[in-house]
């Protein structure tokens, strides 16, 4: 290809990936439902997006490095403090039993039905054991199941990828060399590869920890150091033994998320953007390598393989993995209905199948199209049904708001009680012992730990929060906390407005939504409350009494709509208002 064709092809892949993700976001569906057919269609219409023609031999190592970045970023979200008890037991069982059952079942099915040789069928079985955070994460964010259920599936998806990729590499070399060695030799090779990945990941994490702790890098240089360390360690491990770099990448991410002495932000905008773009590029480019002709002979057998994996193997794996645990029946059933295949399956199939075909392994030409169809079918099936299944099984997170109220003044505690009386799941936090005692005495849930540490760490204490109301009497604290928490909380963060002419160090110069209006700052609320004003609730249909000011509206579905300096929520049928009454008459 000419340099102009390569330039145009690379630009087209980037554009298709970005547009597909934008369309998916607009349609509120998982992006993979758009990326896969777009990439396949583009590959069928033009050769300019075929990565094997664009990049040649560089395509496979670039895919390995890209997947390493994805797995490192996924590893940063694995909080070991949450990996204990029955959660850990279920994840470990899903890994070992799921790998064994899925690989064996797929291989036994593929040999007669897909008309593969035994070696090709075993290779396909090893490829299909993986799931992956690139698919599971977006699907779960779309569905929003219960926190523990989401945690289990994310842990499984993140850890199974490097395990499956390493297993696939070992099977690939055994198939390529027609290795007849015993099971003991295979286990030894797998153990050595795993050990190499663990050692490489530990070394990379140690070096990166030293750099971040002692060099005091800013956000830009810190992100640069992370990318360089991950790519360098992953490449080094892969040079020593294939696909061990993926294990190292996950280990590095987990270590950096849990090691003391460094403060990685809970939100990493540049890294998250890079991972999102890389996922789009990989799915578009790998899908473009699959031709319509290659799908014709494997279409119906592959659908049968999907039926086996979805309707038989995965439910059996979930049943065995959750046996004897405290998971409710609905959560066990949902685990049995969530095992889509993702980018690691596509990447390993693309890499290994081409080499096996060149070496004349019978049936190897069916590995990539069969894997592609399994990915498409499982992503579409789970993507289109997961929400309804979770709804039927009653494992969705409550739709009602769960606000975090920060502050322990008397009026703030009464506000928490008022919101709780309207059915909201209120969580409060305060720093002073007296304020914390006041919150506890009011029967409200008190958040543990230190607020900003929870926000800038793994975020365990802030899981499930739908919004934050910063209500302390310290305007500068509210301003700083609003900036920090916006990067850690899914929902909006509001703070009290600053008094006119405030001479705070930070508060007057920090943006963000300020609560209420009409001069209701922290000092003014405290003054009115001391004068006898109280917080009350009433249906909006009864009207707002004279002298009362609307603070919040609580919708019939439990959503919280605050009044801010810029807007007052419009009441609707069935709403309840949270009001600040007038001071008591003298």
Protein backbone atom coordinates (compact mmCIF):
# COMPACT_ATOMS: atom_id res chain seq x y z
CA UNK A 1 0.00 0.00 0.00
CA UNK A 2 1.14 3.56 -0.66
CA UNK A 3 1.76 6.02 2.16
CA UNK A 4 -1.39 7.91 1.17
CA UNK A 5 -3.49 4.74 1.40
CA UNK A 6 -2.03 3.93 4.80
CA UNK A 7 -2.73 7.47 6.02
CA UNK A 8 -6.30 7.36 4.76
CA UNK A 9 -6.90 3.89 6.19
CA UNK A 10 -5.65 4.77 9.66
CA UNK A 11 -7.67 7.98 9.71
CA UNK A 12 -10.81 6.11 8.60
CA UNK A 13 -10.42 3.55 11.41
CA UNK A 14 -10.14 6.34 13.99
CA UNK A 15 -13.17 8.15 12.57
CA UNK A 16 -15.28 4.99 12.44
CA UNK A 17 -14.35 4.10 16.03
CA UNK A 18 -15.19 7.56 17.35
CA UNK A 19 -18.45 7.90 15.40
CA UNK A 20 -19.57 4.42 16.46
CA UNK A 21 -19.03 5.24 20.12
CA UNK A 22 -20.84 8.57 19.77
CA UNK A 23 -23.82 6.90 18.09
CA UNK A 24 -23.93 4.20 20.76
CA UNK A 25 -23.87 6.82 23.49
CA UNK A 26 -26.69 8.69 21.78
CA UNK A 27 -28.75 5.52 21.47
CA UNK A 28 -27.88 4.48 25.06
CA UNK A 29 -26.64 1.04 24.00
CA UNK A 30 -23.26 -0.66 24.53
CA UNK A 31 -20.73 0.64 21.99
CA UNK A 32 -19.75 -2.87 20.89
CA UNK A 33 -23.17 -3.33 19.31
CA UNK A 34 -22.14 -0.61 16.84
CA UNK A 35 -18.38 -1.17 16.59
CA UNK A 36 -18.51 -4.81 15.48
CA UNK A 37 -20.92 -4.47 12.52
CA UNK A 38 -19.34 -1.18 11.44
CA UNK A 39 -15.87 -2.73 11.35
CA UNK A 40 -17.11 -5.82 9.53
CA UNK A 41 -19.01 -3.72 6.97
CA UNK A 42 -16.04 -1.41 6.40
CA UNK A 43 -13.76 -4.40 5.86
CA UNK A 44 -16.20 -5.89 3.35
CA UNK A 45 -16.48 -2.63 1.39
CA UNK A 46 -12.83 -1.55 1.27
CA UNK A 47 -9.35 -2.93 1.90
CA UNK A 48 -8.06 0.36 3.25
CA UNK A 49 -9.15 -0.47 6.83
CA UNK A 50 -7.65 -3.96 6.89
CA UNK A 51 -4.97 -3.68 9.60
CA UNK A 52 -2.97 -6.59 8.22
CA UNK A 53 -2.48 -4.65 4.99
CA UNK A 54 -1.99 -1.32 6.74
CA UNK A 55 0.48 -2.45 9.38
CA UNK A 56 1.72 -5.85 8.26
CA UNK A 57 3.70 -7.70 10.91
CA UNK A 58 3.43 -4.72 13.26
CA UNK A 59 -0.30 -5.32 13.80
CA UNK A 60 -0.01 -8.25 16.23
CA UNK A 61 2.51 -6.65 18.65
CA UNK A 62 0.56 -3.38 18.56
CA UNK A 63 -2.58 -5.28 19.56
CA UNK A 64 -0.71 -6.92 22.46
CA UNK A 65 0.50 -3.54 23.74
CA UNK A 66 -2.95 -2.00 23.34
CA UNK A 67 -4.58 -4.82 25.30
CA UNK A 68 -1.93 -4.40 28.02
CA UNK A 69 -2.98 -0.75 28.45
CA UNK A 70 -6.63 -1.79 28.66
CA UNK A 71 -5.93 -4.43 31.31
CA UNK A 72 -3.71 -2.08 33.33
CA UNK A 73 -6.49 0.49 33.47
CA UNK A 74 -8.95 -2.24 34.46
CA UNK A 75 -6.57 -3.43 37.17
CA UNK A 76 -6.57 0.07 38.69
CA UNK A 77 -10.23 -0.49 39.57
CA UNK A 78 -9.63 -3.72 41.52
CA UNK A 79 -9.79 -2.87 45.21
CA UNK A 80 -8.44 -5.73 47.32
CA UNK A 81 -10.37 -4.44 50.32
CA UNK A 82 -13.54 -5.50 48.52
CA UNK A 83 -12.14 -8.86 47.41
CA UNK A 84 -12.90 -11.00 50.42
CA UNK A 85 -15.37 -13.47 51.84
CA UNK A 86 -17.84 -15.01 49.45
CA UNK A 87 -16.95 -12.51 46.72
CA UNK A 88 -13.43 -13.91 46.54
CA UNK A 89 -14.67 -17.50 46.68
CA UNK A 90 -17.04 -16.96 43.76
CA UNK A 91 -14.46 -15.16 41.60
CA UNK A 92 -11.80 -17.85 42.13
CA UNK A 93 -14.27 -20.59 41.22
CA UNK A 94 -15.41 -18.68 38.13
CA UNK A 95 -11.80 -18.45 37.02
CA UNK A 96 -10.66 -22.04 37.38
CA UNK A 97 -13.90 -23.93 36.79
CA UNK A 98 -15.08 -21.50 34.12
CA UNK A 99 -11.81 -21.88 32.21
CA UNK A 100 -11.92 -25.66 32.42
CA UNK A 101 -15.60 -26.07 31.55
CA UNK A 102 -15.69 -23.48 28.76
CA UNK A 103 -12.48 -24.56 27.04
CA UNK A 104 -13.32 -28.26 27.18
CA UNK A 105 -16.93 -27.83 26.05
CA UNK A 106 -16.05 -25.54 23.16
CA UNK A 107 -13.29 -27.86 21.93
CA UNK A 108 -15.48 -30.98 22.10
CA UNK A 109 -18.27 -29.19 20.23
CA UNK A 110 -16.07 -27.54 17.60
CA UNK A 111 -14.29 -30.66 16.36
CA UNK A 112 -17.35 -32.45 14.89
CA UNK A 113 -19.78 -29.55 14.36
CA UNK A 114 -17.39 -26.91 12.98
CA UNK A 115 -15.49 -29.64 11.10
CA UNK A 116 -12.17 -28.75 12.70
CA UNK A 117 -9.16 -30.88 13.41
CA UNK A 118 -8.62 -31.65 17.07
CA UNK A 119 -5.73 -29.20 17.25
CA UNK A 120 -7.79 -26.33 15.81
CA UNK A 121 -10.73 -27.18 18.08
CA UNK A 122 -8.51 -27.09 21.17
CA UNK A 123 -7.12 -23.74 20.02
CA UNK A 124 -10.65 -22.34 19.62
CA UNK A 125 -11.63 -23.64 23.06
CA UNK A 126 -8.64 -21.91 24.66
CA UNK A 127 -9.52 -18.64 22.90
CA UNK A 128 -13.15 -18.64 24.03
CA UNK A 129 -12.49 -18.98 27.77
CA UNK A 130 -11.92 -15.21 28.08
CA UNK A 131 -14.55 -12.58 28.79
CA UNK A 132 -12.96 -9.22 29.52
CA UNK A 133 -13.51 -5.78 31.06
CA UNK A 134 -13.84 -4.16 27.63
CA UNK A 135 -17.22 -5.87 27.25
CA UNK A 136 -18.37 -6.66 30.76
CA UNK A 137 -17.64 -3.20 32.18
CA UNK A 138 -19.71 -1.20 29.67
CA UNK A 139 -22.56 -3.70 29.84
CA UNK A 140 -22.68 -3.56 33.63
CA UNK A 141 -22.49 0.24 33.62
CA UNK A 142 -25.48 0.20 31.29
CA UNK A 143 -27.44 -2.34 33.38
CA UNK A 144 -26.37 -1.12 36.87
CA UNK A 145 -26.81 -4.34 38.87
CA UNK A 146 -26.19 -4.51 42.61
CA UNK A 147 -22.73 -3.43 43.72
CA UNK A 148 -21.47 -6.86 44.82
CA UNK A 149 -22.75 -8.50 41.65
CA UNK A 150 -21.01 -5.90 39.50
CA UNK A 151 -17.83 -6.30 41.52
CA UNK A 152 -17.78 -10.09 41.04
CA UNK A 153 -18.28 -9.88 37.29
CA UNK A 154 -15.69 -7.11 36.84
CA UNK A 155 -13.12 -9.06 38.86
CA UNK A 156 -13.81 -12.17 36.79
CA UNK A 157 -13.65 -10.31 33.48
CA UNK A 158 -10.42 -8.53 34.35
CA UNK A 159 -8.57 -11.57 35.71
CA UNK A 160 -9.74 -14.12 33.14
CA UNK A 161 -8.24 -12.16 30.23
CA UNK A 162 -4.55 -12.58 31.09
CA UNK A 163 -5.14 -16.15 32.27
CA UNK A 164 -6.93 -17.02 29.05
CA UNK A 165 -4.38 -15.26 26.86
CA UNK A 166 -1.52 -17.12 28.54
CA UNK A 167 -3.37 -20.42 28.17
CA UNK A 168 -4.03 -19.60 24.53
CA UNK A 169 -0.34 -18.90 23.89
CA UNK A 170 0.66 -22.24 25.42
CA UNK A 171 -1.95 -24.13 23.41
CA UNK A 172 -0.87 -22.28 20.26
CA UNK A 173 2.75 -23.37 20.61
CA UNK A 174 1.69 -26.91 21.45
CA UNK A 175 -0.56 -27.06 18.40
CA UNK A 176 2.04 -25.50 16.12
CA UNK A 177 4.74 -27.94 17.16
CA UNK A 178 2.37 -30.92 17.45
CA UNK A 179 3.69 -31.27 20.97
CA UNK A 180 2.64 -34.59 22.43
CA UNK A 181 3.99 -33.84 25.88
CA UNK A 182 2.02 -34.95 28.90
CA UNK A 183 -0.30 -32.88 31.04
CA UNK A 184 2.49 -32.37 33.56
CA UNK A 185 4.59 -30.55 30.99
CA UNK A 186 1.67 -28.28 30.05
CA UNK A 187 0.96 -27.43 33.68
CA UNK A 188 4.63 -26.65 34.24
CA UNK A 189 4.70 -24.30 31.23
CA UNK A 190 1.54 -22.55 32.38
CA UNK A 191 2.95 -22.14 35.89
CA UNK A 192 6.21 -20.73 34.55
CA UNK A 193 4.36 -18.24 32.34
CA UNK A 194 2.14 -17.15 35.22
CA UNK A 195 5.14 -16.74 37.49
CA UNK A 196 6.94 -14.64 34.88
CA UNK A 197 3.91 -12.37 34.51
CA UNK A 198 3.58 -11.98 38.28
CA UNK A 199 7.26 -11.18 38.73
CA UNK A 200 7.23 -8.73 35.83
CA UNK A 201 4.12 -7.02 37.17
CA UNK A 202 5.58 -6.77 40.67
CA UNK A 203 8.83 -5.29 39.30
CA UNK A 204 6.96 -2.77 37.16
CA UNK A 205 4.70 -1.78 40.05
CA UNK A 206 7.73 -1.28 42.34
CA UNK A 207 9.50 0.94 39.81
CA UNK A 208 6.36 2.94 39.12
CA UNK A 209 5.65 3.29 42.85
CA UNK A 210 9.14 4.70 43.39
CA UNK A 211 8.70 7.18 40.55
CA UNK A 212 5.29 8.40 41.68
CA UNK A 213 6.19 8.57 45.37
CA UNK A 214 9.60 10.21 45.27
CA UNK A 215 9.73 12.18 42.02
CA UNK A 216 6.42 13.95 42.80
CA UNK A 217 5.26 13.91 39.20
CA UNK A 218 2.33 16.03 38.11
CA UNK A 219 -0.72 14.47 36.48
CA UNK A 220 0.65 14.66 32.94
CA UNK A 221 4.07 13.20 33.75
CA UNK A 222 2.49 10.69 36.12
CA UNK A 223 0.25 9.35 33.35
CA UNK A 224 3.23 9.30 30.97
CA UNK A 225 5.25 7.30 33.49
CA UNK A 226 2.41 4.81 33.93
CA UNK A 227 2.05 4.24 30.19
CA UNK A 228 5.79 3.86 29.70
CA UNK A 229 6.09 1.41 32.58
CA UNK A 230 3.15 -0.72 31.45
CA UNK A 231 4.26 -0.87 27.82
CA UNK A 232 7.89 -1.53 28.74
CA UNK A 233 7.14 -4.31 31.24
CA UNK A 234 4.46 -5.91 29.05
CA UNK A 235 6.77 -5.94 26.02
CA UNK A 236 9.66 -7.32 28.05
CA UNK A 237 7.55 -10.16 29.44
CA UNK A 238 6.14 -10.97 26.00
CA UNK A 239 9.66 -11.15 24.57
CA UNK A 240 10.53 -13.79 27.17
CA UNK A 241 7.26 -15.74 26.88
CA UNK A 242 4.20 -14.99 24.76
CA UNK A 243 1.26 -13.10 26.32
CA UNK A 244 2.75 -13.01 29.83
CA UNK A 245 2.75 -9.22 29.45
CA UNK A 246 -1.02 -9.20 29.95
CA UNK A 247 -0.61 -10.83 33.37
CA UNK A 248 2.03 -8.26 34.24
CA UNK A 249 -0.26 -5.40 33.16
CA UNK A 250 -3.12 -6.52 35.40
CA UNK A 251 -0.77 -7.11 38.33
CA UNK A 252 0.69 -3.62 37.91
CA UNK A 253 -2.77 -2.06 37.87
CA UNK A 254 -3.89 -3.97 40.96
CA UNK A 255 -0.69 -3.12 42.80
CA UNK A 256 -0.88 0.59 42.02
CA UNK A 257 -4.51 0.69 43.15
CA UNK A 258 -3.73 -0.91 46.51
CA UNK A 259 -0.18 0.08 47.47
CA UNK A 260 0.10 2.68 50.25
CA UNK A 261 2.00 5.92 49.92
CA UNK A 262 0.67 7.13 46.56
CA UNK A 263 -2.56 8.89 45.64
CA UNK A 264 -3.81 7.87 42.23
CA UNK A 265 -7.01 9.76 41.38
CA UNK A 266 -10.17 7.67 41.19
CA UNK A 267 -10.89 9.24 37.80
CA UNK A 268 -8.14 9.35 35.17
CA UNK A 269 -9.58 11.32 32.24
CA UNK A 270 -6.64 10.95 29.84
CA UNK A 271 -6.13 7.24 30.54
CA UNK A 272 -9.87 6.56 30.32
CA UNK A 273 -10.06 8.45 27.01
CA UNK A 274 -7.07 6.54 25.66
CA UNK A 275 -8.56 3.18 26.67
CA UNK A 276 -11.93 4.07 25.13
CA UNK A 277 -10.25 5.04 21.86
CA UNK A 278 -8.02 1.94 21.85
CA UNK A 279 -11.04 -0.33 22.37
CA UNK A 280 -12.81 1.29 19.44
CA UNK A 281 -9.75 1.01 17.19
CA UNK A 282 -9.18 -2.64 18.05
CA UNK A 283 -12.76 -3.73 17.46
CA UNK A 284 -13.03 -1.82 14.18
CA UNK A 285 -9.70 -3.10 12.85
CA UNK A 286 -10.06 -6.74 13.96
CA UNK A 287 -13.66 -6.91 12.66
CA UNK A 288 -12.41 -5.62 9.33
CA UNK A 289 -10.20 -8.71 8.92
CA UNK A 290 -13.24 -11.01 8.85
CA UNK A 291 -14.61 -11.53 5.33
CA UNK A 292 -18.22 -12.40 4.45
CA UNK A 293 -16.99 -15.49 2.58
CA UNK A 294 -15.31 -16.87 5.70
CA UNK A 295 -18.56 -16.63 7.68
CA UNK A 296 -20.80 -18.61 5.34
CA UNK A 297 -19.49 -22.06 6.21
CA UNK A 298 -19.40 -21.48 9.98
CA UNK A 299 -22.54 -19.39 10.56
CA UNK A 300 -24.96 -22.03 11.80
CA UNK A 301 -22.37 -24.19 13.60
CA UNK A 302 -21.15 -21.04 15.40
CA UNK A 303 -24.71 -20.21 16.45
CA UNK A 304 -24.94 -23.72 17.89
CA UNK A 305 -21.68 -23.12 19.76
CA UNK A 306 -23.10 -19.87 21.17
CA UNK A 307 -26.22 -21.72 22.32
CA UNK A 308 -24.06 -24.29 24.10
CA UNK A 309 -21.93 -21.65 25.82
CA UNK A 310 -24.83 -19.39 26.81
CA UNK A 311 -27.55 -21.89 27.71
CA UNK A 312 -25.56 -24.79 29.14
CA UNK A 313 -21.95 -24.01 30.01
CA UNK A 314 -22.27 -20.58 31.63
CA UNK A 315 -25.28 -21.48 33.83
CA UNK A 316 -23.42 -24.62 34.96
CA UNK A 317 -20.30 -22.58 35.76
CA UNK A 318 -22.39 -20.08 37.73
CA UNK A 319 -24.19 -22.86 39.61
CA UNK A 320 -20.95 -24.51 40.70
CA UNK A 321 -19.15 -21.24 41.45
CA UNK A 322 -21.88 -19.82 43.69
CA UNK A 323 -22.73 -23.04 45.53
CA UNK A 324 -22.51 -22.67 49.28
CA UNK A 325 -22.26 -18.87 49.21
CA UNK A 326 -24.58 -16.20 50.53
CA UNK A 327 -25.45 -14.82 47.09
CA UNK A 328 -29.23 -14.60 46.60
CA UNK A 329 -30.81 -16.71 43.90
CA UNK A 330 -31.30 -13.73 41.60
CA UNK A 331 -27.60 -12.76 41.71
CA UNK A 332 -26.57 -16.36 41.03
CA UNK A 333 -28.87 -16.49 38.03
CA UNK A 334 -27.57 -13.21 36.64
CA UNK A 335 -23.97 -14.45 36.87
CA UNK A 336 -25.17 -17.33 34.70
CA UNK A 337 -26.41 -14.81 32.15
CA UNK A 338 -23.30 -12.65 31.74
CA UNK A 339 -20.31 -14.00 29.82
CA UNK A 340 -19.77 -11.96 26.63
CA UNK A 341 -16.53 -12.36 24.71
CA UNK A 342 -14.40 -9.32 24.02
CA UNK A 343 -11.22 -7.87 22.67
CA UNK A 344 -8.76 -10.47 24.03
CA UNK A 345 -10.68 -13.28 22.29
CA UNK A 346 -10.63 -11.26 19.07
CA UNK A 347 -6.95 -10.37 19.43
CA UNK A 348 -5.74 -13.89 20.19
CA UNK A 349 -7.87 -15.39 17.41
CA UNK A 350 -6.54 -12.83 14.93
CA UNK A 351 -2.95 -13.46 15.96
CA UNK A 352 -2.93 -17.25 16.30
CA UNK A 353 -5.28 -18.26 13.48
CA UNK A 354 -3.24 -16.61 10.71
CA UNK A 355 -0.07 -18.42 11.79
CA UNK A 356 -1.84 -21.78 12.08
CA UNK A 357 -3.31 -21.35 8.60
CA UNK A 358 0.12 -20.58 7.15
CA UNK A 359 1.43 -23.75 8.79
CA UNK A 360 -1.33 -25.88 7.28
CA UNK A 361 -3.18 -26.85 10.46
CA UNK A 362 -6.54 -28.30 9.27
CA UNK A 363 -9.57 -26.18 10.22
CA UNK A 364 -7.48 -23.22 11.41
CA UNK A 365 -9.11 -20.95 8.82
CA UNK A 366 -12.38 -21.33 10.76
CA UNK A 367 -11.00 -20.09 14.08
CA UNK A 368 -11.22 -16.33 13.42
CA UNK A 369 -14.70 -16.27 11.78
CA UNK A 370 -16.09 -18.59 14.48
CA UNK A 371 -14.62 -16.40 17.22
CA UNK A 372 -15.99 -13.27 15.53
CA UNK A 373 -19.49 -14.76 15.39
CA UNK A 374 -19.31 -15.83 19.04
CA UNK A 375 -18.27 -12.30 20.03
CA UNK A 376 -21.02 -10.68 17.97
CA UNK A 377 -23.70 -13.09 19.14
CA UNK A 378 -22.81 -12.95 22.84
CA UNK A 379 -22.42 -9.16 22.88
CA UNK A 380 -25.74 -8.68 21.09
CA UNK A 381 -27.56 -11.27 23.19
CA UNK A 382 -26.31 -10.04 26.56
CA UNK A 383 -26.36 -6.39 25.52
CA UNK A 384 -30.01 -6.52 24.44
CA UNK A 385 -31.30 -8.73 27.26
CA UNK A 386 -29.13 -8.08 30.32
CA UNK A 387 -31.19 -5.17 31.62
CA UNK A 388 -34.49 -7.02 31.28
CA UNK A 389 -33.02 -10.14 32.86
CA UNK A 390 -31.62 -8.11 35.77
CA UNK A 391 -34.98 -6.42 36.17
CA UNK A 392 -36.84 -9.73 36.24
CA UNK A 393 -34.35 -11.18 38.72
CA UNK A 394 -34.61 -8.04 40.90
CA UNK A 395 -30.86 -7.45 40.98
CA UNK A 396 -30.87 -3.84 39.73
CA UNK A 397 -29.64 -1.08 42.00
CA UNK A 398 -32.47 0.92 43.51
CA UNK A 399 -33.57 3.71 41.18
CA UNK A 400 -34.09 6.06 44.10
CA UNK A 401 -31.41 8.64 44.82
CA UNK A 402 -28.74 7.92 47.42
CA UNK A 403 -27.31 11.34 48.31
CA UNK A 404 -24.26 11.88 50.48
CA UNK A 405 -24.74 14.86 52.79
CA UNK A 406 -21.43 16.27 54.05
CA UNK A 407 -21.81 18.28 57.24
CA UNK A 408 -23.15 17.75 60.71
CA UNK A 409 -24.81 21.05 61.65
CA UNK A 410 -28.24 20.68 63.21
CA UNK A 411 -30.07 21.95 60.12
CA UNK A 412 -28.10 19.56 57.87
CA UNK A 413 -29.01 16.59 60.05
CA UNK A 414 -32.67 17.62 59.94
CA UNK A 415 -32.39 17.86 56.16
CA UNK A 416 -31.08 14.29 56.08
CA UNK A 417 -34.01 13.14 58.20
CA UNK A 418 -36.46 14.95 55.91
CA UNK A 419 -35.00 13.31 52.80
CA UNK A 420 -35.04 9.91 54.46
CA UNK A 421 -38.71 10.39 55.42
CA UNK A 422 -39.43 10.70 51.68
CA UNK A 423 -37.83 7.35 50.97
CA UNK A 424 -34.29 8.32 49.98
CA UNK A 425 -31.32 6.24 51.10
CA UNK A 426 -29.42 9.03 52.86
CA UNK A 427 -25.74 8.76 53.79
CA UNK A 428 -24.00 11.44 55.88
CA UNK A 429 -20.42 12.31 56.72
CA UNK A 430 -18.92 14.79 59.18
CA UNK A 431 -15.44 15.29 60.57
CA UNK A 432 -16.08 16.54 64.11
CA UNK A 433 -16.89 13.96 66.77
CA UNK A 434 -19.84 15.98 68.06
CA UNK A 435 -21.37 16.23 64.61
CA UNK A 436 -20.86 12.53 63.97
CA UNK A 437 -22.58 11.76 67.26
CA UNK A 438 -25.49 14.01 66.23
CA UNK A 439 -25.86 12.11 62.96
CA UNK A 440 -25.82 8.76 64.71
CA UNK A 441 -28.34 9.93 67.31
CA UNK A 442 -30.69 10.94 64.50
CA UNK A 443 -30.65 7.36 63.20
CA UNK A 444 -28.95 8.31 59.92
CA UNK A 445 -26.29 6.19 58.24
CA UNK A 446 -22.81 7.58 58.88
CA UNK A 447 -20.14 7.12 56.20
CA UNK A 448 -16.91 5.64 57.62
CA UNK A 449 -13.39 6.84 57.08
CA UNK A 450 -11.99 10.11 55.81
CA UNK A 451 -13.97 11.70 53.01
CA UNK A 452 -11.24 12.83 50.63
CA UNK A 453 -9.21 9.65 51.15
CA UNK A 454 -12.26 7.66 50.11
CA UNK A 455 -12.72 9.89 47.08
CA UNK A 456 -9.14 9.85 45.84
CA UNK A 457 -8.49 6.22 46.65
CA UNK A 458 -10.40 3.24 45.30
CA UNK A 459 -13.70 4.86 46.16
CA UNK A 460 -15.04 1.92 48.13
CA UNK A 461 -16.84 4.08 50.66
CA UNK A 462 -18.53 6.12 47.91
CA UNK A 463 -19.96 3.22 45.88
CA UNK A 464 -23.59 3.69 44.98
CA UNK A 465 -23.67 7.42 45.73
CA UNK A 466 -25.86 9.27 43.22
CA UNK A 467 -24.89 12.80 44.28
CA UNK A 468 -23.14 14.83 46.95
CA UNK A 469 -24.40 17.84 48.94
CA UNK A 470 -21.58 19.75 50.62
CA UNK A 471 -23.18 21.50 53.58
CA UNK A 472 -20.35 22.32 55.98
CA UNK A 473 -19.82 25.79 57.44
CA UNK A 474 -16.35 25.94 55.85
CA UNK A 475 -16.74 27.44 52.38
CA UNK A 476 -13.18 26.64 51.33
CA UNK A 477 -13.59 23.00 52.33
CA UNK A 478 -16.82 22.79 50.35
CA UNK A 479 -15.12 24.30 47.31
CA UNK A 480 -12.09 22.00 47.43
CA UNK A 481 -14.20 18.92 48.14
CA UNK A 482 -16.48 19.73 45.21
CA UNK A 483 -13.51 19.75 42.83
CA UNK A 484 -12.18 16.45 44.21
CA UNK A 485 -15.48 14.62 44.42
CA UNK A 486 -16.57 15.50 40.89
CA UNK A 487 -13.88 13.08 39.70
CA UNK A 488 -15.07 10.27 41.99
CA UNK A 489 -18.86 10.32 42.09
CA UNK A 490 -21.13 9.30 39.25
CA UNK A 491 -23.77 11.95 39.99
CA UNK A 492 -23.65 15.72 40.48
CA UNK A 493 -21.83 17.49 43.33
CA UNK A 494 -23.42 20.60 44.86
CA UNK A 495 -22.12 22.96 47.55
CA UNK A 496 -23.50 25.83 49.56
CA UNK A 497 -23.07 29.24 48.01
CA UNK A 498 -20.52 31.65 49.43
CA UNK A 499 -21.66 34.84 51.18
CA UNK A 500 -21.39 38.08 49.19
CA UNK A 501 -17.97 39.67 49.57
CA UNK A 502 -16.45 36.44 50.86
CA UNK A 503 -12.69 36.58 51.33
CA UNK A 504 -12.11 32.83 51.31
CA UNK A 505 -8.90 31.48 49.84
CA UNK A 506 -10.56 29.12 47.34
CA UNK A 507 -14.34 29.31 47.52
CA UNK A 508 -14.93 32.56 45.60
CA UNK A 509 -12.90 31.31 42.65
CA UNK A 510 -14.18 27.74 42.31
CA UNK A 511 -16.90 26.89 39.82
CA UNK A 512 -19.65 24.33 40.18
CA UNK A 513 -23.32 24.40 41.08
CA UNK A 514 -24.24 26.22 44.29
CA UNK A 515 -27.28 25.09 46.22
CA UNK A 516 -30.42 27.07 46.87
CA UNK A 517 -30.64 30.75 46.12
CA UNK A 518 -32.02 33.90 47.60
CA UNK A 519 -28.96 34.34 49.78
CA UNK A 520 -29.26 30.94 51.50
CA UNK A 521 -25.59 30.52 52.31
CA UNK A 522 -24.25 28.47 55.19
CA UNK A 523 -24.20 31.34 57.71
CA UNK A 524 -27.70 32.46 56.67
CA UNK A 525 -29.10 28.93 57.05
CA UNK A 526 -27.52 28.63 60.50
CA UNK A 527 -28.93 32.06 61.49
CA UNK A 528 -32.46 31.21 60.36
CA UNK A 529 -32.34 27.82 62.00
CA UNK A 530 -31.22 29.38 65.29
CA UNK A 531 -34.15 31.78 64.93
CA UNK A 532 -36.62 28.90 64.77
CA UNK A 533 -36.82 28.10 61.06
CA UNK A 534 -37.32 24.39 60.41
CA UNK A 535 -37.14 22.02 57.45
CA UNK A 536 -40.49 20.48 56.51
CA UNK A 537 -41.85 18.29 53.71
CA UNK A 538 -45.21 18.37 51.97
CA UNK A 539 -46.77 17.29 48.64
CA UNK A 540 -46.41 19.98 45.98
CA UNK A 541 -50.09 19.61 45.23
CA UNK A 542 -50.80 21.31 48.55
CA UNK A 543 -48.87 24.39 47.42
CA UNK A 544 -45.94 26.17 49.01
CA UNK A 545 -47.00 28.09 52.14
CA UNK A 546 -46.12 31.76 52.44
CA UNK A 547 -42.66 32.39 53.85
CA UNK A 548 -41.37 28.93 52.88
CA UNK A 549 -38.52 28.39 50.44
CA UNK A 550 -38.10 25.33 48.21
CA UNK A 551 -34.83 23.46 48.85
CA UNK A 552 -35.49 20.21 46.97
CA UNK A 553 -38.15 18.32 45.07
CA UNK A 554 -38.35 14.54 45.42
CA UNK A 555 -39.90 12.95 42.35
CA UNK A 556 -42.29 9.97 42.54
CA UNK A 557 -39.50 7.66 41.34
CA UNK A 558 -37.21 8.81 44.18
CA UNK A 559 -35.03 11.17 42.14
CA UNK A 560 -33.76 14.25 43.95
CA UNK A 561 -34.01 17.64 42.21
CA UNK A 562 -32.24 20.44 44.14
CA UNK A 563 -32.89 24.14 43.88
CA UNK A 564 -29.70 25.94 42.84
CA UNK A 565 -28.63 29.53 42.31
CA UNK A 566 -29.26 29.15 38.57
CA UNK A 567 -32.55 27.26 38.51
CA UNK A 568 -35.53 26.16 40.56
CA UNK A 569 -36.88 22.67 39.74
CA UNK A 570 -40.30 22.62 38.11
CA UNK A 571 -42.78 20.65 40.23
CA UNK A 572 -44.71 17.79 38.70
CA UNK A 573 -47.54 15.48 39.65
CA UNK A 574 -46.72 13.37 42.69
CA UNK A 575 -43.67 15.39 43.75
CA UNK A 576 -42.88 16.17 47.36
CA UNK A 577 -41.16 19.42 48.33
CA UNK A 578 -38.50 19.87 51.00
CA UNK A 579 -39.00 23.39 52.35
CA UNK A 580 -37.25 25.77 54.72
CA UNK A 581 -39.90 27.40 56.88
CA UNK A 582 -39.83 30.96 58.23
CA UNK A 583 -38.22 31.85 61.55
CA UNK A 584 -40.46 31.49 64.59
CA UNK A 585 -42.58 34.54 65.41
CA UNK A 586 -41.07 36.66 68.24
